[in-house]
Amino acid sequence: SAPDEDGEEIELVWVGTAFGELPRAVDAIRVLEPYCQIDASLAAQLEIDRMACLATRDGPNQLEAKAFMARLRQIKDGSAPEA
């Protein structure tokens, strides 16, 4: 937990930053369930959307996000950057 602007402790949820850590919408929903109610129709729509794009190639934004995450892992691990 961390303090907000009023000094109140707030709970931080830091999950899903590693590639493949939350492979399905239901995995993310399970993390959030203790903190909020998520309508079943939203969960179903997220899963439909995920299934609809399984065969889709990553676009430029996804490619850049993956490259950014790889750079963060390299910094965290202290490894040399890839050429």
Protein backbone atom coordinates (compact mmCIF):
# COMPACT_ATOMS: atom_id res chain seq x y z
CA SER A 1 0.00 0.00 0.00
CA ALA A 2 0.99 3.62 -0.45
CA PRO A 3 -0.33 6.95 0.85
CA ASP A 4 -2.55 9.09 -1.37
CA GLU A 5 -2.48 12.91 -1.44
CA ASP A 6 -4.36 13.02 1.89
CA GLY A 7 -1.98 10.59 3.59
CA GLU A 8 -4.54 7.76 3.48
CA GLU A 9 -3.14 4.32 2.72
CA ILE A 10 -4.30 2.99 -0.65
CA GLU A 11 -3.83 -0.50 -2.01
CA LEU A 12 -1.71 -0.81 -5.15
CA VAL A 13 -2.23 -3.71 -7.54
CA TRP A 14 0.87 -4.26 -9.69
CA VAL A 15 0.08 -7.32 -11.78
CA GLY A 16 0.25 -7.94 -15.50
CA THR A 17 3.39 -6.06 -16.42
CA ALA A 18 5.23 -9.21 -17.50
CA PHE A 19 4.40 -10.55 -20.95
CA GLY A 20 1.85 -13.35 -20.66
CA GLU A 21 1.28 -12.85 -16.93
CA LEU A 22 -2.45 -12.33 -17.51
CA PRO A 23 -3.19 -14.34 -20.64
CA ARG A 24 -6.98 -14.12 -20.39
CA ALA A 25 -9.44 -11.47 -19.29
CA VAL A 26 -10.62 -13.74 -16.48
CA ASP A 27 -7.08 -13.71 -15.04
CA ALA A 28 -7.16 -9.92 -14.77
CA ILE A 29 -10.69 -9.99 -13.39
CA ARG A 30 -9.65 -12.40 -10.63
CA VAL A 31 -6.94 -9.96 -9.55
CA LEU A 32 -9.48 -7.11 -9.39
CA GLU A 33 -12.39 -8.98 -7.78
CA PRO A 34 -11.40 -8.10 -4.19
CA TYR A 35 -11.49 -4.39 -5.07
CA CYS A 36 -14.52 -3.96 -7.33
CA GLN A 37 -17.48 -5.60 -8.99
CA ILE A 38 -17.07 -6.45 -12.66
CA ASP A 39 -20.19 -7.14 -14.65
CA ALA A 40 -20.30 -10.62 -16.21
CA SER A 41 -21.13 -9.08 -19.59
CA LEU A 42 -17.85 -7.11 -19.53
CA ALA A 43 -15.91 -10.25 -18.70
CA ALA A 44 -17.61 -12.09 -21.56
CA GLN A 45 -16.97 -9.23 -24.02
CA LEU A 46 -13.30 -9.06 -23.08
CA GLU A 47 -12.92 -12.79 -23.70
CA ILE A 48 -14.74 -12.50 -27.05
CA ASP A 49 -12.42 -9.64 -28.04
CA ARG A 50 -9.35 -11.66 -27.02
CA MET A 51 -10.47 -14.68 -29.01
CA ALA A 52 -11.26 -12.52 -32.05
CA CYS A 53 -7.70 -11.22 -32.29
CA LEU A 54 -5.70 -14.38 -31.54
CA ALA A 55 -4.57 -14.75 -35.16
CA THR A 56 -3.95 -11.02 -35.62
CA ARG A 57 -0.40 -9.76 -35.94
CA ASP A 58 0.77 -7.13 -33.51
CA GLY A 59 0.42 -3.57 -34.73
CA PRO A 60 3.01 -0.83 -34.25
CA ASN A 61 1.74 0.10 -30.77
CA GLN A 62 1.88 -3.49 -29.52
CA LEU A 63 5.34 -3.99 -31.02
CA GLU A 64 6.65 -0.83 -29.35
CA ALA A 65 5.07 -1.79 -26.02
CA LYS A 66 6.74 -5.22 -26.17
CA ALA A 67 10.09 -3.62 -27.05
CA PHE A 68 9.68 -1.17 -24.16
CA MET A 69 8.91 -4.00 -21.74
CA ALA A 70 11.98 -5.90 -22.98
CA ARG A 71 14.15 -2.83 -22.33
CA LEU A 72 12.72 -2.55 -18.81
CA ARG A 73 13.51 -6.22 -18.16
CA GLN A 74 17.08 -5.67 -19.36
CA ILE A 75 17.49 -2.72 -17.01
CA LYS A 76 16.00 -4.69 -14.13
CA ASP A 77 18.16 -7.73 -14.83
CA GLY A 78 21.28 -5.66 -15.53
CA SER A 79 21.76 -7.37 -18.89
CA ALA A 80 23.20 -5.75 -21.98
CA PRO A 81 20.75 -4.21 -24.46
CA GLU A 82 19.97 -6.21 -27.57
CA ALA A 83 21.43 -4.88 -30.81
